Amino acid sequence: MAEPIKVTVSNPSTGEVLQERILVNDYAVVCAGDRYVKSVQIMGSTHMIAVAKEKPNG
């Protein structure tokens, strides 16, 4: 059996914990700044995740 892991996302300037999750046989995608999850495609047990960069306004 897989061991759980704890994923913590925090603000490096203040140390404030923004979110925490414990994962077992799972995954986490973390996007920051102008990056975002554009699409997710699931085929059986295969997950394809596309991460994109937002276009600047103007």
PDB file of N, CA and C in Angstrom:
ATOM      1  N   MET A   1       0.845  -1.197   0.000  1.00  0.00           N
ATOM      2  CA  MET A   1       0.000   0.000   0.000  1.00  0.00           C
ATOM      3  C   MET A   1       0.880   1.247   0.000  1.00  0.00           C
ATOM      4  N   ALA A   2       0.471   2.235  -0.756  1.00  0.00           N
ATOM      5  CA  ALA A   2       1.236   3.478  -0.854  1.00  0.00           C
ATOM      6  C   ALA A   2       1.118   4.270   0.439  1.00  0.00           C
ATOM      7  N   GLU A   3       2.195   4.930   0.777  1.00  0.00           N
ATOM      8  CA  GLU A   3       2.214   5.803   1.954  1.00  0.00           C
ATOM      9  C   GLU A   3       1.626   7.156   1.583  1.00  0.00           C
ATOM     10  N   PRO A   4       0.888   7.787   2.472  1.00  0.00           N
ATOM     11  CA  PRO A   4       0.349   9.122   2.184  1.00  0.00           C
ATOM     12  C   PRO A   4       1.458  10.167   2.183  1.00  0.00           C
ATOM     13  N   ILE A   5       1.226  11.228   1.432  1.00  0.00           N
ATOM     14  CA  ILE A   5       2.104  12.398   1.479  1.00  0.00           C
ATOM     15  C   ILE A   5       1.236  13.612   1.783  1.00  0.00           C
ATOM     16  N   LYS A   6       1.848  14.608   2.374  1.00  0.00           N
ATOM     17  CA  LYS A   6       1.147  15.856   2.673  1.00  0.00           C
ATOM     18  C   LYS A   6       1.717  16.943   1.778  1.00  0.00           C
ATOM     19  N   VAL A   7       0.840  17.609   1.047  1.00  0.00           N
ATOM     20  CA  VAL A   7       1.230  18.711   0.172  1.00  0.00           C
ATOM     21  C   VAL A   7       0.755  19.998   0.836  1.00  0.00           C
ATOM     22  N   THR A   8       1.691  20.919   1.045  1.00  0.00           N
ATOM     23  CA  THR A   8       1.367  22.204   1.667  1.00  0.00           C
ATOM     24  C   THR A   8       1.753  23.322   0.716  1.00  0.00           C
ATOM     25  N   VAL A   9       0.820  24.222   0.468  1.00  0.00           N
ATOM     26  CA  VAL A   9       1.084  25.406  -0.350  1.00  0.00           C
ATOM     27  C   VAL A   9       1.047  26.596   0.588  1.00  0.00           C
ATOM     28  N   SER A  10       2.145  27.367   0.595  1.00  0.00           N
ATOM     29  CA  SER A  10       2.213  28.508   1.502  1.00  0.00           C
ATOM     30  C   SER A  10       2.778  29.727   0.794  1.00  0.00           C
ATOM     31  N   ASN A  11       2.502  30.875   1.367  1.00  0.00           N
ATOM     32  CA  ASN A  11       3.037  32.137   0.872  1.00  0.00           C
ATOM     33  C   ASN A  11       4.469  32.252   1.394  1.00  0.00           C
ATOM     34  N   PRO A  12       5.472  32.296   0.511  1.00  0.00           N
ATOM     35  CA  PRO A  12       6.849  32.347   0.978  1.00  0.00           C
ATOM     36  C   PRO A  12       7.211  33.633   1.715  1.00  0.00           C
ATOM     37  N   SER A  13       6.458  34.700   1.449  1.00  0.00           N
ATOM     38  CA  SER A  13       6.755  35.973   2.113  1.00  0.00           C
ATOM     39  C   SER A  13       6.252  36.009   3.548  1.00  0.00           C
ATOM     40  N   THR A  14       5.055  35.455   3.759  1.00  0.00           N
ATOM     41  CA  THR A  14       4.434  35.548   5.085  1.00  0.00           C
ATOM     42  C   THR A  14       4.443  34.235   5.853  1.00  0.00           C
ATOM     43  N   GLY A  15       4.641  33.127   5.136  1.00  0.00           N
ATOM     44  CA  GLY A  15       4.562  31.819   5.778  1.00  0.00           C
ATOM     45  C   GLY A  15       3.140  31.319   5.941  1.00  0.00           C
ATOM     46  N   GLU A  16       2.152  32.122   5.536  1.00  0.00           N
ATOM     47  CA  GLU A  16       0.749  31.717   5.656  1.00  0.00           C
ATOM     48  C   GLU A  16       0.495  30.468   4.825  1.00  0.00           C
ATOM     49  N   VAL A  17      -0.125  29.466   5.431  1.00  0.00           N
ATOM     50  CA  VAL A  17      -0.496  28.239   4.719  1.00  0.00           C
ATOM     51  C   VAL A  17      -1.788  28.520   3.962  1.00  0.00           C
ATOM     52  N   LEU A  18      -1.717  28.383   2.637  1.00  0.00           N
ATOM     53  CA  LEU A  18      -2.874  28.668   1.793  1.00  0.00           C
ATOM     54  C   LEU A  18      -3.762  27.443   1.630  1.00  0.00           C
ATOM     55  N   GLN A  19      -3.141  26.258   1.601  1.00  0.00           N
ATOM     56  CA  GLN A  19      -3.919  25.036   1.456  1.00  0.00           C
ATOM     57  C   GLN A  19      -3.043  23.838   1.794  1.00  0.00           C
ATOM     58  N   GLU A  20      -3.651  22.809   2.346  1.00  0.00           N
ATOM     59  CA  GLU A  20      -2.957  21.558   2.645  1.00  0.00           C
ATOM     60  C   GLU A  20      -3.846  20.398   2.218  1.00  0.00           C
ATOM     61  N   ARG A  21      -3.228  19.350   1.706  1.00  0.00           N
ATOM     62  CA  ARG A  21      -3.951  18.143   1.328  1.00  0.00           C
ATOM     63  C   ARG A  21      -3.067  16.936   1.628  1.00  0.00           C
ATOM     64  N   ILE A  22      -3.702  15.855   2.026  1.00  0.00           N
ATOM     65  CA  ILE A  22      -3.000  14.584   2.160  1.00  0.00           C
ATOM     66  C   ILE A  22      -3.424  13.732   0.981  1.00  0.00           C
ATOM     67  N   LEU A  23      -2.438  13.199   0.262  1.00  0.00           N
ATOM     68  CA  LEU A  23      -2.695  12.419  -0.943  1.00  0.00           C
ATOM     69  C   LEU A  23      -2.216  10.990  -0.766  1.00  0.00           C
ATOM     70  N   VAL A  24      -3.022  10.051  -1.226  1.00  0.00           N
ATOM     71  CA  VAL A  24      -2.641   8.640  -1.296  1.00  0.00           C
ATOM     72  C   VAL A  24      -3.074   8.153  -2.674  1.00  0.00           C
ATOM     73  N   ASN A  25      -2.127   7.663  -3.450  1.00  0.00           N
ATOM     74  CA  ASN A  25      -2.420   7.203  -4.818  1.00  0.00           C
ATOM     75  C   ASN A  25      -3.192   8.265  -5.604  1.00  0.00           C
ATOM     76  N   ASP A  26      -2.731   9.482  -5.530  1.00  0.00           N
ATOM     77  CA  ASP A  26      -3.387  10.607  -6.182  1.00  0.00           C
ATOM     78  C   ASP A  26      -2.321  11.589  -6.637  1.00  0.00           C
ATOM     79  N   TYR A  27      -2.701  12.703  -7.178  1.00  0.00           N
ATOM     80  CA  TYR A  27      -1.745  13.724  -7.607  1.00  0.00           C
ATOM     81  C   TYR A  27      -2.331  15.102  -7.366  1.00  0.00           C
ATOM     82  N   ALA A  28      -1.456  16.093  -7.391  1.00  0.00           N
ATOM     83  CA  ALA A  28      -1.875  17.484  -7.255  1.00  0.00           C
ATOM     84  C   ALA A  28      -1.198  18.294  -8.352  1.00  0.00           C
ATOM     85  N   VAL A  29      -1.927  19.223  -8.907  1.00  0.00           N
ATOM     86  CA  VAL A  29      -1.382  20.145  -9.894  1.00  0.00           C
ATOM     87  C   VAL A  29      -1.445  21.536  -9.269  1.00  0.00           C
ATOM     88  N   VAL A  30      -0.312  22.192  -9.207  1.00  0.00           N
ATOM     89  CA  VAL A  30      -0.256  23.529  -8.619  1.00  0.00           C
ATOM     90  C   VAL A  30       0.164  24.508  -9.706  1.00  0.00           C
ATOM     91  N   CYS A  31      -0.678  25.488  -9.966  1.00  0.00           N
ATOM     92  CA  CYS A  31      -0.361  26.535 -10.940  1.00  0.00           C
ATOM     93  C   CYS A  31      -0.247  27.856 -10.185  1.00  0.00           C
ATOM     94  N   ALA A  32       0.683  28.684 -10.599  1.00  0.00           N
ATOM     95  CA  ALA A  32       0.887  29.977  -9.942  1.00  0.00           C
ATOM     96  C   ALA A  32       1.057  31.061 -11.002  1.00  0.00           C
ATOM     97  N   GLY A  33       0.761  32.279 -10.581  1.00  0.00           N
ATOM     98  CA  GLY A  33       0.951  33.415 -11.491  1.00  0.00           C
ATOM     99  C   GLY A  33      -0.003  33.351 -12.666  1.00  0.00           C
ATOM    100  N   ASP A  34       0.552  33.442 -13.874  1.00  0.00           N
ATOM    101  CA  ASP A  34      -0.293  33.461 -15.072  1.00  0.00           C
ATOM    102  C   ASP A  34      -0.462  32.079 -15.700  1.00  0.00           C
ATOM    103  N   ARG A  35      -0.202  31.019 -14.953  1.00  0.00           N
ATOM    104  CA  ARG A  35      -0.390  29.652 -15.443  1.00  0.00           C
ATOM    105  C   ARG A  35      -1.736  29.122 -14.949  1.00  0.00           C
ATOM    106  N   TYR A  36      -2.373  28.294 -15.766  1.00  0.00           N
ATOM    107  CA  TYR A  36      -3.647  27.707 -15.380  1.00  0.00           C
ATOM    108  C   TYR A  36      -3.837  26.367 -16.088  1.00  0.00           C
ATOM    109  N   VAL A  37      -4.697  25.527 -15.530  1.00  0.00           N
ATOM    110  CA  VAL A  37      -5.026  24.258 -16.172  1.00  0.00           C
ATOM    111  C   VAL A  37      -6.006  24.566 -17.295  1.00  0.00           C
ATOM    112  N   LYS A  38      -5.560  24.332 -18.520  1.00  0.00           N
ATOM    113  CA  LYS A  38      -6.376  24.654 -19.686  1.00  0.00           C
ATOM    114  C   LYS A  38      -7.361  23.533 -20.012  1.00  0.00           C
ATOM    115  N   SER A  39      -6.896  22.290 -19.886  1.00  0.00           N
ATOM    116  CA  SER A  39      -7.786  21.173 -20.184  1.00  0.00           C
ATOM    117  C   SER A  39      -7.309  19.918 -19.473  1.00  0.00           C
ATOM    118  N   VAL A  40      -8.250  19.006 -19.286  1.00  0.00           N
ATOM    119  CA  VAL A  40      -7.964  17.704 -18.703  1.00  0.00           C
ATOM    120  C   VAL A  40      -8.655  16.670 -19.576  1.00  0.00           C
ATOM    121  N   GLN A  41      -7.914  15.647 -19.950  1.00  0.00           N
ATOM    122  CA  GLN A  41      -8.486  14.562 -20.730  1.00  0.00           C
ATOM    123  C   GLN A  41      -8.232  13.268 -19.967  1.00  0.00           C
ATOM    124  N   ILE A  42      -9.288  12.495 -19.730  1.00  0.00           N
ATOM    125  CA  ILE A  42      -9.161  11.256 -18.981  1.00  0.00           C
ATOM    126  C   ILE A  42      -9.546  10.094 -19.885  1.00  0.00           C
ATOM    127  N   MET A  43      -8.601   9.166 -20.029  1.00  0.00           N
ATOM    128  CA  MET A  43      -8.821   7.961 -20.819  1.00  0.00           C
ATOM    129  C   MET A  43      -8.480   6.775 -19.931  1.00  0.00           C
ATOM    130  N   GLY A  44      -9.489   6.174 -19.332  1.00  0.00           N
ATOM    131  CA  GLY A  44      -9.236   5.079 -18.408  1.00  0.00           C
ATOM    132  C   GLY A  44      -8.462   5.581 -17.209  1.00  0.00           C
ATOM    133  N   SER A  45      -7.289   4.984 -16.986  1.00  0.00           N
ATOM    134  CA  SER A  45      -6.470   5.405 -15.841  1.00  0.00           C
ATOM    135  C   SER A  45      -5.386   6.412 -16.225  1.00  0.00           C
ATOM    136  N   THR A  46      -5.432   6.910 -17.461  1.00  0.00           N
ATOM    137  CA  THR A  46      -4.462   7.907 -17.918  1.00  0.00           C
ATOM    138  C   THR A  46      -5.123   9.280 -17.912  1.00  0.00           C
ATOM    139  N   HIS A  47      -4.453  10.241 -17.259  1.00  0.00           N
ATOM    140  CA  HIS A  47      -4.946  11.609 -17.208  1.00  0.00           C
ATOM    141  C   HIS A  47      -3.931  12.502 -17.908  1.00  0.00           C
ATOM    142  N   MET A  48      -4.388  13.271 -18.879  1.00  0.00           N
ATOM    143  CA  MET A  48      -3.518  14.226 -19.568  1.00  0.00           C
ATOM    144  C   MET A  48      -3.976  15.623 -19.190  1.00  0.00           C
ATOM    145  N   ILE A  49      -3.053  16.385 -18.639  1.00  0.00           N
ATOM    146  CA  ILE A  49      -3.367  17.717 -18.122  1.00  0.00           C
ATOM    147  C   ILE A  49      -2.549  18.733 -18.907  1.00  0.00           C
ATOM    148  N   ALA A  50      -3.236  19.708 -19.494  1.00  0.00           N
ATOM    149  CA  ALA A  50      -2.555  20.765 -20.239  1.00  0.00           C
ATOM    150  C   ALA A  50      -2.524  22.024 -19.386  1.00  0.00           C
ATOM    151  N   VAL A  51      -1.328  22.549 -19.177  1.00  0.00           N
ATOM    152  CA  VAL A  51      -1.145  23.793 -18.432  1.00  0.00           C
ATOM    153  C   VAL A  51      -0.769  24.876 -19.436  1.00  0.00           C
ATOM    154  N   ALA A  52      -1.460  26.002 -19.369  1.00  0.00           N
ATOM    155  CA  ALA A  52      -1.229  27.094 -20.315  1.00  0.00           C
ATOM    156  C   ALA A  52      -0.867  28.367 -19.593  1.00  0.00           C
ATOM    157  N   LYS A  53      -0.370  29.323 -20.367  1.00  0.00           N
ATOM    158  CA  LYS A  53      -0.033  30.642 -19.866  1.00  0.00           C
ATOM    159  C   LYS A  53      -1.087  31.625 -20.359  1.00  0.00           C
ATOM    160  N   GLU A  54      -1.634  32.420 -19.426  1.00  0.00           N
ATOM    161  CA  GLU A  54      -2.621  33.416 -19.823  1.00  0.00           C
ATOM    162  C   GLU A  54      -1.979  34.455 -20.732  1.00  0.00           C
ATOM    163  N   LYS A  55      -2.738  34.886 -21.717  1.00  0.00           N
ATOM    164  CA  LYS A  55      -2.256  35.937 -22.599  1.00  0.00           C
ATOM    165  C   LYS A  55      -2.404  37.283 -21.889  1.00  0.00           C
ATOM    166  N   PRO A  56      -1.442  38.179 -22.070  1.00  0.00           N
ATOM    167  CA  PRO A  56      -1.558  39.501 -21.439  1.00  0.00           C
ATOM    168  C   PRO A  56      -2.735  40.280 -22.036  1.00  0.00           C
ATOM    169  N   ASN A  57      -3.385  41.078 -21.191  1.00  0.00           N
ATOM    170  CA  ASN A  57      -4.497  41.921 -21.669  1.00  0.00           C
ATOM    171  C   ASN A  57      -3.961  43.108 -22.435  1.00  0.00           C
ATOM    172  N   GLY A  58      -4.620  43.407 -23.550  1.00  0.00           N
ATOM    173  CA  GLY A  58      -4.279  44.614 -24.293  1.00  0.00           C
ATOM    174  C   GLY A  58      -3.321  44.358 -25.313  1.00  0.00           C
TER     175      GLY A  58
END
